[in-house]
């Protein structure tokens, strides 16, 4: 039997301050990279078209893959119908 160590399991506890801090740092880094992409506005418009206008009303959202579709997942935020 092979033992597999999940060194990222600690990230599953969203209430933990260290997880929130890690996430905040990752979000800042991602925002810096994404905001510098050429034609980022075109990319944002395309994503908005794919995900629907409700998705882009909120700064943060999780995306879930269901079959061959990507769906926005709300975390305490209600999307427009």
Protein backbone atom coordinates (compact mmCIF):
# COMPACT_ATOMS: atom_id res chain seq x y z
CA UNK A 1 0.00 0.00 0.00
CA UNK A 2 1.29 3.45 -0.93
CA UNK A 3 0.75 6.27 1.52
CA UNK A 4 -0.07 9.61 -0.07
CA UNK A 5 0.35 12.76 1.99
CA UNK A 6 -1.97 15.62 1.19
CA UNK A 7 0.15 18.64 2.06
CA UNK A 8 -2.66 21.00 1.06
CA UNK A 9 -5.36 19.58 3.34
CA UNK A 10 -4.87 22.51 5.70
CA UNK A 11 -6.38 24.75 2.99
CA UNK A 12 -9.76 23.02 3.41
CA UNK A 13 -10.46 24.89 6.66
CA UNK A 14 -11.66 28.22 5.24
CA UNK A 15 -12.27 29.62 8.74
CA UNK A 16 -8.61 29.29 9.72
CA UNK A 17 -6.76 32.64 9.69
CA UNK A 18 -3.72 31.12 7.96
CA UNK A 19 -5.94 29.83 5.13
CA UNK A 20 -7.54 33.25 4.67
CA UNK A 21 -4.10 34.89 4.68
CA UNK A 22 -2.76 32.40 2.12
CA UNK A 23 -5.82 32.98 -0.08
CA UNK A 24 -5.49 36.77 0.16
CA UNK A 25 -1.83 36.58 -0.91
CA UNK A 26 -2.72 34.28 -3.82
CA UNK A 27 -5.53 36.62 -4.91
CA UNK A 28 -3.21 39.64 -4.91
CA UNK A 29 -0.66 37.75 -6.98
CA UNK A 30 -3.29 36.50 -9.45
CA UNK A 31 -4.81 39.96 -9.78
CA UNK A 32 -1.37 41.44 -10.53
CA UNK A 33 -0.74 38.85 -13.24
CA UNK A 34 -4.23 38.96 -14.78
CA UNK A 35 -4.52 42.76 -14.77
CA UNK A 36 -1.31 43.02 -16.81
CA UNK A 37 -2.44 40.66 -19.56
CA UNK A 38 -2.81 42.24 -22.98
CA UNK A 39 -6.47 42.67 -23.92
CA UNK A 40 -7.61 41.78 -20.40
CA UNK A 41 -10.86 43.71 -20.97
CA UNK A 42 -11.66 41.49 -23.95
CA UNK A 43 -10.97 38.44 -21.79
CA UNK A 44 -13.27 39.75 -19.02
CA UNK A 45 -16.05 40.39 -21.53
CA UNK A 46 -15.69 36.88 -22.93
CA UNK A 47 -15.81 35.32 -19.47
CA UNK A 48 -18.85 37.45 -18.63
CA UNK A 49 -20.55 36.19 -21.78
CA UNK A 50 -19.78 32.57 -20.92
CA UNK A 51 -20.69 32.77 -17.25
CA UNK A 52 -23.57 35.23 -17.48
CA UNK A 53 -23.81 38.75 -16.20
CA UNK A 54 -24.62 37.71 -12.63
CA UNK A 55 -21.22 36.04 -12.30
CA UNK A 56 -19.31 39.24 -12.96
CA UNK A 57 -21.28 41.33 -10.47
CA UNK A 58 -19.21 39.86 -7.63
CA UNK A 59 -15.48 40.07 -7.11
CA UNK A 60 -14.94 36.50 -5.96
CA UNK A 61 -16.70 33.35 -7.01
CA UNK A 62 -15.96 29.69 -7.22
CA UNK A 63 -16.55 27.81 -10.46
CA UNK A 64 -17.72 24.22 -10.51
CA UNK A 65 -17.47 21.88 -13.50
CA UNK A 66 -20.62 19.86 -14.15
CA UNK A 67 -20.37 17.53 -17.12
CA UNK A 68 -18.99 19.81 -19.85
CA UNK A 69 -20.24 23.06 -18.32
CA UNK A 70 -18.68 25.55 -15.91
CA UNK A 71 -21.13 26.89 -13.35
CA UNK A 72 -20.66 29.73 -10.82
CA UNK A 73 -21.02 28.66 -7.20
CA UNK A 74 -22.21 31.20 -4.67
CA UNK A 75 -20.60 31.43 -1.24
CA UNK A 76 -23.29 33.26 0.70
CA UNK A 77 -24.04 35.57 -2.25
CA UNK A 78 -27.24 35.19 -4.23
CA UNK A 79 -27.07 35.58 -8.00
CA UNK A 80 -29.72 37.24 -10.11
CA UNK A 81 -32.00 34.80 -11.90
